[in-house]
Structures are given as C-alpha cells and as structure tokens.
Amino acid sequence: EQAMAVALAQFAKEFAVKESPYMAELLNVWLDDRLTDKLKPIRPRSADGIRKMANQFKSEFGEIKIKEIDQARIETYLEAKKVSNNTRRGIKNYLGQFFRWSIKKGYHNVNPAEKIEIARDNNGVHFFNAEQAEMIMREAIKHKELTAYFALALFGGIRPEEIDKMTWEENI
C-alpha cells in the first residue's frame, strides 16, 4: 500500500511536469500581462527591462517545461553568467517576478528563485556621513570649478563616471 502511494505520488508529479506549459510560452504571456496591465502600469524603461529579461529567459529556458525549473537550475544559470553579483541579483529578481506571476496564474506552485541569496558587490563604493560631506563641500567651494561636480556627486547621487560624461550645454 505504501509503495503504491509513493508510486502514485511520483506519477502525479511527473504528469504535472509533463502537462505544464513551456517557459517560452509563459514568458510571452507574462510579458504581455505586464505591458498591458491597466491596474499596474509600468514606465517605458521598466517595460524595456522586462522585455529584455523575458527574451533572455526564453533563450535559456524556452524549451523547458515550467515545472522542470527548480532552484538548482536557476542557481546554475546565475553562476554561469559573467556579470557582477549586483547584476546577478537583478536577473534573479526578474525571475522571481516571473515565478510569482506564474504562481498567481496557477502555472506553478513554488517560486524557485525565492530562496536564492546572492551577496552584494561593494565595488569600492564609499558613503560619507554629513560631517564628511560638509568638509568636502567646504574644500570644493575654494575651487569654484569643482563645486558643481561634488554637489552632483554628493547630493544628486550621480556616479563620477556619469558626471564626467555630462556637459553644461546638455543640462541647462
């Protein structure tokens, strides 16, 4: 009786996987849902990001049934990416959004991306406290040509490499 129960459970699991839709098909539906959702409209930049990620996922997972995707498969995919951990976390977040949507729509019952943890990259980013920022600005004011640069960096949150590309003509 116990062996039969185990066999039936295994058969049900295999049947559910076999009958589940392909990732490519669902990624198209997810993308369409996100882009046409009147209750939760998204900005064009967000739409571009979702479109880009859906296409990446289709190329990687398209011919796989959704219920074949597990945490180990996603971890392998993320580890193989030649990107920073911050980018890896972003990719994982898009996968998490997709799987939350698939659960909500009844295509899956778990989010295999949910428990994946990826360390943050520091990339040499430093933060200044208020006193340090004040000291930097006092020094920058002594050199007028540096005042705007440091004001943008400290208070605008603009990265130095982005400031270096800016010109006054573009921003007036």
N, C-alpha and C. Protein backbone atom coordinates (compact mmCIF):
# COMPACT_ATOMS: atom_id res chain seq x y z
N GLU A 1 0.83 -1.19 0.00
CA GLU A 1 0.00 0.00 0.00
C GLU A 1 0.88 1.27 0.00
N GLN A 2 1.90 1.26 0.84
CA GLN A 2 2.81 2.41 0.92
C GLN A 2 3.57 2.57 -0.39
N ALA A 3 4.03 1.47 -0.98
CA ALA A 3 4.75 1.53 -2.24
C ALA A 3 3.85 2.07 -3.34
N MET A 4 2.60 1.68 -3.32
CA MET A 4 1.65 2.17 -4.32
C MET A 4 1.41 3.66 -4.14
N ALA A 5 1.31 4.13 -2.92
CA ALA A 5 1.11 5.56 -2.66
C ALA A 5 2.31 6.36 -3.16
N VAL A 6 3.51 5.85 -2.91
CA VAL A 6 4.72 6.53 -3.37
C VAL A 6 4.75 6.55 -4.90
N ALA A 7 4.41 5.44 -5.52
CA ALA A 7 4.40 5.36 -6.98
C ALA A 7 3.37 6.32 -7.58
N LEU A 8 2.18 6.37 -6.98
CA LEU A 8 1.15 7.29 -7.47
C LEU A 8 1.56 8.74 -7.30
N ALA A 9 2.20 9.06 -6.19
CA ALA A 9 2.67 10.43 -5.96
C ALA A 9 3.73 10.80 -7.00
N GLN A 10 4.63 9.86 -7.27
CA GLN A 10 5.67 10.11 -8.27
C GLN A 10 5.05 10.28 -9.66
N PHE A 11 4.07 9.44 -9.98
CA PHE A 11 3.39 9.55 -11.26
C PHE A 11 2.67 10.90 -11.38
N ALA A 12 2.02 11.32 -10.32
CA ALA A 12 1.31 12.61 -10.34
C ALA A 12 2.28 13.76 -10.55
N LYS A 13 3.44 13.67 -9.91
CA LYS A 13 4.46 14.72 -10.06
C LYS A 13 4.98 14.76 -11.49
N GLU A 14 5.29 13.61 -12.04
CA GLU A 14 5.79 13.53 -13.41
C GLU A 14 4.73 13.99 -14.41
N PHE A 15 3.48 13.64 -14.15
CA PHE A 15 2.38 14.05 -15.03
C PHE A 15 2.22 15.57 -14.99
N ALA A 16 2.32 16.16 -13.79
CA ALA A 16 2.19 17.62 -13.66
C ALA A 16 3.30 18.32 -14.44
N VAL A 17 4.50 17.79 -14.38
CA VAL A 17 5.62 18.38 -15.14
C VAL A 17 5.35 18.24 -16.63
N LYS A 18 4.95 17.05 -17.05
CA LYS A 18 4.71 16.79 -18.47
C LYS A 18 3.61 17.69 -19.02
N GLU A 19 2.59 17.94 -18.24
CA GLU A 19 1.45 18.74 -18.68
C GLU A 19 1.65 20.24 -18.51
N SER A 20 2.71 20.64 -17.81
CA SER A 20 2.94 22.07 -17.61
C SER A 20 3.40 22.73 -18.90
N PRO A 21 3.09 24.01 -19.07
CA PRO A 21 3.47 24.71 -20.31
C PRO A 21 4.97 24.96 -20.39
N TYR A 22 5.42 25.23 -21.61
CA TYR A 22 6.82 25.57 -21.82
C TYR A 22 7.09 26.99 -21.33
N MET A 23 8.31 27.21 -20.90
CA MET A 23 8.71 28.53 -20.40
C MET A 23 8.53 29.61 -21.46
N ALA A 24 8.91 29.35 -22.71
CA ALA A 24 8.81 30.36 -23.77
C ALA A 24 7.38 30.87 -23.90
N GLU A 25 6.44 29.94 -23.87
CA GLU A 25 5.02 30.30 -23.98
C GLU A 25 4.59 31.19 -22.81
N LEU A 26 4.97 30.80 -21.61
CA LEU A 26 4.57 31.56 -20.42
C LEU A 26 5.28 32.90 -20.33
N LEU A 27 6.52 32.95 -20.75
CA LEU A 27 7.24 34.23 -20.74
C LEU A 27 6.57 35.23 -21.67
N ASN A 28 6.05 34.76 -22.80
CA ASN A 28 5.30 35.65 -23.69
C ASN A 28 4.04 36.17 -23.03
N VAL A 29 3.33 35.29 -22.34
CA VAL A 29 2.10 35.69 -21.66
C VAL A 29 2.41 36.65 -20.52
N TRP A 30 3.47 36.35 -19.75
CA TRP A 30 3.89 37.23 -18.65
C TRP A 30 4.23 38.62 -19.17
N LEU A 31 5.02 38.66 -20.23
CA LEU A 31 5.41 39.94 -20.82
C LEU A 31 4.18 40.72 -21.26
N ASP A 32 3.27 40.06 -21.94
CA ASP A 32 2.04 40.72 -22.38
C ASP A 32 1.22 41.22 -21.19
N ASP A 33 1.10 40.40 -20.16
CA ASP A 33 0.37 40.81 -18.95
C ASP A 33 0.99 42.05 -18.32
N ARG A 34 2.30 42.04 -18.19
CA ARG A 34 2.98 43.18 -17.55
C ARG A 34 2.85 44.45 -18.37
N LEU A 35 2.92 44.33 -19.69
CA LEU A 35 2.88 45.51 -20.56
C LEU A 35 1.48 46.07 -20.74
N THR A 36 0.46 45.24 -20.53
CA THR A 36 -0.92 45.70 -20.76
C THR A 36 -1.74 45.85 -19.49
N ASP A 37 -1.14 45.65 -18.32
CA ASP A 37 -1.86 45.73 -17.06
C ASP A 37 -2.29 47.17 -16.79
N LYS A 38 -3.59 47.42 -16.86
CA LYS A 38 -4.13 48.77 -16.66
C LYS A 38 -4.11 49.17 -15.18
N LEU A 39 -4.17 48.19 -14.28
CA LEU A 39 -4.18 48.49 -12.85
C LEU A 39 -2.79 48.80 -12.31
N LYS A 40 -1.77 48.25 -12.96
CA LYS A 40 -0.38 48.47 -12.54
C LYS A 40 0.46 48.86 -13.74
N PRO A 41 0.23 50.04 -14.30
CA PRO A 41 1.03 50.42 -15.48
C PRO A 41 2.49 50.59 -15.11
N ILE A 42 3.35 50.33 -16.08
CA ILE A 42 4.79 50.45 -15.82
C ILE A 42 5.40 51.47 -16.77
N ARG A 43 6.50 52.05 -16.32
CA ARG A 43 7.22 53.05 -17.13
C ARG A 43 7.86 52.37 -18.33
N PRO A 44 8.12 53.15 -19.37
CA PRO A 44 8.77 52.58 -20.57
C PRO A 44 10.11 51.90 -20.26
N ARG A 45 10.88 52.50 -19.37
CA ARG A 45 12.18 51.91 -19.03
C ARG A 45 12.00 50.54 -18.35
N SER A 46 11.01 50.45 -17.46
CA SER A 46 10.73 49.17 -16.81
C SER A 46 10.25 48.15 -17.83
N ALA A 47 9.41 48.59 -18.77
CA ALA A 47 8.91 47.70 -19.82
C ALA A 47 10.08 47.17 -20.65
N ASP A 48 11.04 48.03 -20.95
CA ASP A 48 12.22 47.59 -21.72
C ASP A 48 13.01 46.55 -20.95
N GLY A 49 13.16 46.76 -19.63
CA GLY A 49 13.88 45.79 -18.80
C GLY A 49 13.18 44.45 -18.76
N ILE A 50 11.87 44.47 -18.59
CA ILE A 50 11.10 43.22 -18.54
C ILE A 50 11.17 42.51 -19.89
N ARG A 51 11.06 43.26 -20.97
CA ARG A 51 11.13 42.68 -22.32
C ARG A 51 12.51 42.03 -22.54
N LYS A 52 13.56 42.73 -22.15
CA LYS A 52 14.92 42.21 -22.31
C LYS A 52 15.11 40.92 -21.51
N MET A 53 14.65 40.94 -20.27
CA MET A 53 14.84 39.75 -19.41
C MET A 53 13.99 38.59 -19.91
N ALA A 54 12.77 38.86 -20.34
CA ALA A 54 11.91 37.79 -20.86
C ALA A 54 12.58 37.13 -22.07
N ASN A 55 13.19 37.92 -22.93
CA ASN A 55 13.88 37.36 -24.10
C ASN A 55 15.10 36.55 -23.68
N GLN A 56 15.84 37.03 -22.69
CA GLN A 56 16.99 36.26 -22.19
C GLN A 56 16.53 34.93 -21.62
N PHE A 57 15.46 34.97 -20.82
CA PHE A 57 14.97 33.74 -20.20
C PHE A 57 14.44 32.77 -21.25
N LYS A 58 13.81 33.30 -22.30
CA LYS A 58 13.30 32.43 -23.37
C LYS A 58 14.46 31.71 -24.05
N SER A 59 15.56 32.42 -24.28
CA SER A 59 16.70 31.78 -24.94
C SER A 59 17.34 30.72 -24.04
N GLU A 60 17.28 30.92 -22.74
CA GLU A 60 17.89 29.97 -21.81
C GLU A 60 16.94 28.83 -21.43
N PHE A 61 15.69 29.15 -21.15
CA PHE A 61 14.75 28.17 -20.59
C PHE A 61 13.57 27.87 -21.51
N GLY A 62 13.52 28.44 -22.69
CA GLY A 62 12.34 28.39 -23.54
C GLY A 62 11.77 27.02 -23.81
N GLU A 63 12.63 26.04 -24.05
CA GLU A 63 12.17 24.70 -24.41
C GLU A 63 12.02 23.78 -23.20
N ILE A 64 11.98 24.38 -22.03
CA ILE A 64 11.85 23.61 -20.79
C ILE A 64 10.46 23.87 -20.21
N LYS A 65 9.86 22.85 -19.67
CA LYS A 65 8.56 23.00 -19.01
C LYS A 65 8.77 23.77 -17.70
N ILE A 66 7.80 24.60 -17.35
CA ILE A 66 7.94 25.45 -16.17
C ILE A 66 8.18 24.63 -14.91
N LYS A 67 7.53 23.50 -14.78
CA LYS A 67 7.68 22.71 -13.55
C LYS A 67 8.97 21.92 -13.51
N GLU A 68 9.78 22.02 -14.57
CA GLU A 68 11.12 21.42 -14.55
C GLU A 68 12.14 22.38 -13.96
N ILE A 69 11.77 23.64 -13.84
CA ILE A 69 12.69 24.65 -13.32
C ILE A 69 12.68 24.58 -11.79
N ASP A 70 13.86 24.36 -11.23
CA ASP A 70 13.98 24.34 -9.78
C ASP A 70 15.09 25.29 -9.35
N GLN A 71 15.28 25.41 -8.06
CA GLN A 71 16.28 26.33 -7.52
C GLN A 71 17.67 26.01 -8.04
N ALA A 72 18.03 24.74 -8.10
CA ALA A 72 19.37 24.35 -8.56
C ALA A 72 19.60 24.79 -10.00
N ARG A 73 18.59 24.66 -10.84
CA ARG A 73 18.74 25.05 -12.25
C ARG A 73 18.93 26.56 -12.37
N ILE A 74 18.21 27.33 -11.58
CA ILE A 74 18.36 28.79 -11.60
C ILE A 74 19.72 29.19 -11.06
N GLU A 75 20.16 28.56 -9.97
CA GLU A 75 21.48 28.86 -9.42
C GLU A 75 22.58 28.58 -10.44
N THR A 76 22.49 27.47 -11.16
CA THR A 76 23.47 27.14 -12.19
C THR A 76 23.47 28.20 -13.28
N TYR A 77 22.28 28.61 -13.70
CA TYR A 77 22.15 29.66 -14.72
C TYR A 77 22.80 30.96 -14.25
N LEU A 78 22.52 31.36 -13.02
CA LEU A 78 23.07 32.61 -12.49
C LEU A 78 24.58 32.54 -12.31
N GLU A 79 25.07 31.42 -11.83
CA GLU A 79 26.51 31.26 -11.63
C GLU A 79 27.27 31.31 -12.95
N ALA A 80 26.65 30.84 -14.02
CA ALA A 80 27.32 30.82 -15.34
C ALA A 80 27.40 32.20 -15.97
N LYS A 81 26.59 33.13 -15.50
CA LYS A 81 26.60 34.48 -16.06
C LYS A 81 27.90 35.17 -15.70
N LYS A 82 28.55 35.78 -16.66
CA LYS A 82 29.79 36.52 -16.44
C LYS A 82 29.45 37.98 -16.15
N VAL A 83 28.81 38.19 -15.01
CA VAL A 83 28.37 39.53 -14.60
C VAL A 83 28.66 39.72 -13.12
N SER A 84 28.50 40.95 -12.64
CA SER A 84 28.69 41.22 -11.22
C SER A 84 27.55 40.59 -10.42
N ASN A 85 27.78 40.46 -9.13
CA ASN A 85 26.73 39.93 -8.26
C ASN A 85 25.52 40.85 -8.24
N ASN A 86 25.74 42.16 -8.36
CA ASN A 86 24.60 43.08 -8.38
C ASN A 86 23.73 42.82 -9.61
N THR A 87 24.35 42.58 -10.76
CA THR A 87 23.59 42.26 -11.96
C THR A 87 22.91 40.91 -11.81
N ARG A 88 23.62 39.95 -11.22
CA ARG A 88 23.05 38.62 -10.96
C ARG A 88 21.80 38.74 -10.09
N ARG A 89 21.87 39.61 -9.08
CA ARG A 89 20.70 39.81 -8.20
C ARG A 89 19.53 40.40 -8.98
N GLY A 90 19.83 41.31 -9.90
CA GLY A 90 18.77 41.89 -10.73
C GLY A 90 18.10 40.83 -11.59
N ILE A 91 18.89 39.97 -12.19
CA ILE A 91 18.36 38.88 -13.02
C ILE A 91 17.50 37.96 -12.16
N LYS A 92 18.01 37.62 -10.99
CA LYS A 92 17.26 36.76 -10.07
C LYS A 92 15.93 37.41 -9.69
N ASN A 93 15.93 38.72 -9.50
CA ASN A 93 14.69 39.41 -9.14
C ASN A 93 13.66 39.34 -10.26
N TYR A 94 14.10 39.47 -11.51
CA TYR A 94 13.17 39.32 -12.64
C TYR A 94 12.60 37.89 -12.69
N LEU A 95 13.47 36.90 -12.46
CA LEU A 95 12.97 35.52 -12.41
C LEU A 95 11.96 35.35 -11.29
N GLY A 96 12.25 35.97 -10.14
CA GLY A 96 11.31 35.91 -9.02
C GLY A 96 9.97 36.52 -9.37
N GLN A 97 9.98 37.66 -10.07
CA GLN A 97 8.73 38.29 -10.51
C GLN A 97 7.95 37.34 -11.41
N PHE A 98 8.66 36.73 -12.36
CA PHE A 98 8.01 35.80 -13.28
C PHE A 98 7.37 34.65 -12.53
N PHE A 99 8.10 34.04 -11.59
CA PHE A 99 7.56 32.88 -10.88
C PHE A 99 6.44 33.28 -9.91
N ARG A 100 6.50 34.48 -9.33
CA ARG A 100 5.35 34.93 -8.51
C ARG A 100 4.11 35.07 -9.39
N TRP A 101 4.29 35.61 -10.58
CA TRP A 101 3.19 35.73 -11.52
C TRP A 101 2.66 34.34 -11.89
N SER A 102 3.57 33.38 -12.15
CA SER A 102 3.15 32.04 -12.56
C SER A 102 2.39 31.32 -11.44
N ILE A 103 2.74 31.60 -10.20
CA ILE A 103 2.00 31.02 -9.07
C ILE A 103 0.61 31.63 -9.01
N LYS A 104 0.57 32.96 -9.15
CA LYS A 104 -0.71 33.68 -9.11
C LYS A 104 -1.67 33.19 -10.21
N LYS A 105 -1.11 32.86 -11.38
CA LYS A 105 -1.92 32.41 -12.51
C LYS A 105 -2.17 30.90 -12.49
N GLY A 106 -1.57 30.18 -11.54
CA GLY A 106 -1.82 28.76 -11.41
C GLY A 106 -0.94 27.85 -12.26
N TYR A 107 0.14 28.39 -12.82
CA TYR A 107 1.03 27.58 -13.64
C TYR A 107 2.09 26.85 -12.83
N HIS A 108 2.33 27.32 -11.64
CA HIS A 108 3.36 26.73 -10.79
C HIS A 108 2.91 26.87 -9.34
N ASN A 109 3.53 26.12 -8.46
CA ASN A 109 3.14 26.21 -7.06
C ASN A 109 4.28 26.65 -6.15
N VAL A 110 5.47 26.87 -6.73
CA VAL A 110 6.61 27.36 -5.95
C VAL A 110 7.39 28.39 -6.75
N ASN A 111 8.12 29.23 -6.04
CA ASN A 111 9.00 30.20 -6.68
C ASN A 111 10.43 29.72 -6.46
N PRO A 112 11.03 29.06 -7.45
CA PRO A 112 12.37 28.50 -7.26
C PRO A 112 13.46 29.56 -7.11
N ALA A 113 13.18 30.80 -7.40
CA ALA A 113 14.18 31.86 -7.25
C ALA A 113 14.12 32.50 -5.86
N GLU A 114 13.06 32.23 -5.15
CA GLU A 114 12.78 32.93 -3.89
C GLU A 114 13.88 32.79 -2.83
N LYS A 115 14.44 31.62 -2.68
CA LYS A 115 15.39 31.39 -1.58
C LYS A 115 16.85 31.53 -2.01
N ILE A 116 17.07 31.94 -3.23
CA ILE A 116 18.45 32.10 -3.71
C ILE A 116 19.00 33.41 -3.14
N GLU A 117 20.15 33.32 -2.50
CA GLU A 117 20.78 34.50 -1.94
C GLU A 117 22.07 34.80 -2.70
N ILE A 118 22.20 36.05 -3.07
CA ILE A 118 23.39 36.49 -3.80
C ILE A 118 23.98 37.67 -3.04
N ALA A 119 25.26 37.57 -2.74
CA ALA A 119 25.94 38.63 -1.99
C ALA A 119 25.98 39.91 -2.82
N ARG A 120 25.95 41.02 -2.14
CA ARG A 120 26.07 42.32 -2.80
C ARG A 120 27.53 42.62 -3.10
N ASP A 121 27.77 43.22 -4.25
CA ASP A 121 29.11 43.71 -4.57
C ASP A 121 29.24 45.09 -3.98
N ASN A 122 30.38 45.38 -3.39
CA ASN A 122 30.61 46.73 -2.87
C ASN A 122 31.23 47.60 -3.93
N ASN A 123 32.04 47.00 -4.81
CA ASN A 123 32.68 47.72 -5.91
C ASN A 123 33.38 49.00 -5.48
N GLY A 124 33.89 49.03 -4.29
CA GLY A 124 34.61 50.21 -3.86
C GLY A 124 33.73 51.42 -3.59
N VAL A 125 32.44 51.22 -3.44
CA VAL A 125 31.54 52.33 -3.16
C VAL A 125 31.73 52.77 -1.72
N HIS A 126 31.86 54.07 -1.54
CA HIS A 126 32.04 54.62 -0.21
C HIS A 126 30.94 55.64 0.06
N PHE A 127 30.51 55.68 1.30
CA PHE A 127 29.49 56.63 1.69
C PHE A 127 30.09 57.60 2.71
N PHE A 128 29.70 58.84 2.59
CA PHE A 128 30.18 59.87 3.51
C PHE A 128 29.06 60.24 4.47
N ASN A 129 29.45 60.48 5.72
CA ASN A 129 28.46 60.98 6.66
C ASN A 129 28.29 62.49 6.44
N ALA A 130 27.38 63.11 7.16
CA ALA A 130 27.06 64.54 6.95
C ALA A 130 28.29 65.43 7.19
N GLU A 131 29.06 65.12 8.22
CA GLU A 131 30.24 65.93 8.51
C GLU A 131 31.28 65.83 7.40
N GLN A 132 31.49 64.63 6.89
CA GLN A 132 32.44 64.43 5.80
C GLN A 132 31.98 65.15 4.53
N ALA A 133 30.68 65.08 4.24
CA ALA A 133 30.14 65.75 3.05
C ALA A 133 30.31 67.27 3.19
N GLU A 134 30.07 67.78 4.38
CA GLU A 134 30.24 69.22 4.61
C GLU A 134 31.70 69.62 4.39
N MET A 135 32.63 68.82 4.89
CA MET A 135 34.04 69.11 4.74
C MET A 135 34.45 69.09 3.26
N ILE A 136 33.95 68.12 2.53
CA ILE A 136 34.25 68.04 1.09
C ILE A 136 33.72 69.27 0.37
N MET A 137 32.50 69.67 0.68
CA MET A 137 31.91 70.84 0.01
C MET A 137 32.66 72.12 0.38
N ARG A 138 33.11 72.24 1.63
CA ARG A 138 33.88 73.44 2.02
C ARG A 138 35.17 73.52 1.20
N GLU A 139 35.81 72.39 0.97
CA GLU A 139 37.03 72.38 0.15
C GLU A 139 36.69 72.66 -1.32
N ALA A 140 35.60 72.08 -1.81
CA ALA A 140 35.21 72.28 -3.21
C ALA A 140 34.89 73.73 -3.50
N ILE A 141 34.27 74.42 -2.54
CA ILE A 141 33.91 75.83 -2.73
C ILE A 141 35.16 76.69 -2.93
N LYS A 142 36.27 76.28 -2.34
CA LYS A 142 37.52 77.01 -2.52
C LYS A 142 38.00 76.93 -3.96
N HIS A 143 37.56 75.91 -4.67
CA HIS A 143 37.93 75.70 -6.06
C HIS A 143 36.61 75.68 -6.85
N LYS A 144 36.15 76.84 -7.27
CA LYS A 144 34.82 77.02 -7.86
C LYS A 144 34.49 75.98 -8.95
N GLU A 145 35.50 75.62 -9.74
CA GLU A 145 35.23 74.69 -10.84
C GLU A 145 34.86 73.29 -10.34
N LEU A 146 35.12 72.99 -9.07
CA LEU A 146 34.80 71.67 -8.52
C LEU A 146 33.48 71.64 -7.77
N THR A 147 32.91 72.80 -7.48
CA THR A 147 31.71 72.87 -6.65
C THR A 147 30.56 72.07 -7.25
N ALA A 148 30.24 72.30 -8.52
CA ALA A 148 29.12 71.59 -9.15
C ALA A 148 29.37 70.09 -9.19
N TYR A 149 30.61 69.71 -9.50
CA TYR A 149 30.97 68.29 -9.58
C TYR A 149 30.66 67.58 -8.26
N PHE A 150 31.16 68.15 -7.16
CA PHE A 150 30.96 67.49 -5.87
C PHE A 150 29.51 67.60 -5.38
N ALA A 151 28.84 68.69 -5.70
CA ALA A 151 27.42 68.82 -5.33
C ALA A 151 26.60 67.74 -6.02
N LEU A 152 26.86 67.53 -7.31
CA LEU A 152 26.13 66.48 -8.03
C LEU A 152 26.44 65.09 -7.48
N ALA A 153 27.71 64.86 -7.20
CA ALA A 153 28.10 63.54 -6.71
C ALA A 153 27.55 63.27 -5.31
N LEU A 154 27.69 64.23 -4.43
CA LEU A 154 27.28 64.02 -3.03
C LEU A 154 25.77 64.07 -2.82
N PHE A 155 25.11 65.04 -3.46
CA PHE A 155 23.70 65.26 -3.15
C PHE A 155 22.76 64.78 -4.24
N GLY A 156 23.31 64.58 -5.44
CA GLY A 156 22.49 64.07 -6.54
C GLY A 156 22.63 62.57 -6.71
N GLY A 157 23.60 61.99 -6.04
CA GLY A 157 23.81 60.55 -6.15
C GLY A 157 24.30 60.12 -7.52
N ILE A 158 24.90 61.04 -8.25
CA ILE A 158 25.38 60.73 -9.60
C ILE A 158 26.82 60.21 -9.50
N ARG A 159 27.07 59.10 -10.14
CA ARG A 159 28.38 58.48 -10.10
C ARG A 159 29.41 59.35 -10.83
N PRO A 160 30.66 59.32 -10.37
CA PRO A 160 31.71 60.13 -11.02
C PRO A 160 31.82 59.87 -12.52
N GLU A 161 31.73 58.60 -12.94
CA GLU A 161 31.85 58.33 -14.38
C GLU A 161 30.68 58.90 -15.17
N GLU A 162 29.54 59.07 -14.52
CA GLU A 162 28.39 59.70 -15.18
C GLU A 162 28.57 61.21 -15.24
N ILE A 163 29.09 61.78 -14.17
CA ILE A 163 29.34 63.23 -14.15
C ILE A 163 30.37 63.60 -15.21
N ASP A 164 31.39 62.77 -15.36
CA ASP A 164 32.44 63.04 -16.33
C ASP A 164 31.89 63.14 -17.76
N LYS A 165 30.80 62.47 -18.03
CA LYS A 165 30.20 62.48 -19.38
C LYS A 165 29.26 63.68 -19.58
N MET A 166 28.92 64.37 -18.51
CA MET A 166 27.97 65.47 -18.60
C MET A 166 28.64 66.77 -19.07
N THR A 167 27.84 67.58 -19.75
CA THR A 167 28.29 68.92 -20.13
C THR A 167 27.21 69.92 -19.72
N TRP A 168 27.60 71.15 -19.50
CA TRP A 168 26.63 72.17 -19.11
C TRP A 168 25.61 72.39 -20.22
N GLU A 169 26.06 72.33 -21.47
CA GLU A 169 25.17 72.57 -22.60
C GLU A 169 24.01 71.58 -22.62
N GLU A 170 24.26 70.32 -22.26
CA GLU A 170 23.22 69.29 -22.26
C GLU A 170 22.23 69.47 -21.12
N ASN A 171 22.64 70.13 -20.07
CA ASN A 171 21.84 70.15 -18.84
C ASN A 171 21.30 71.50 -18.44
N ILE A 172 21.40 72.46 -19.32
CA ILE A 172 20.87 73.78 -18.98
C ILE A 172 19.47 73.90 -19.52
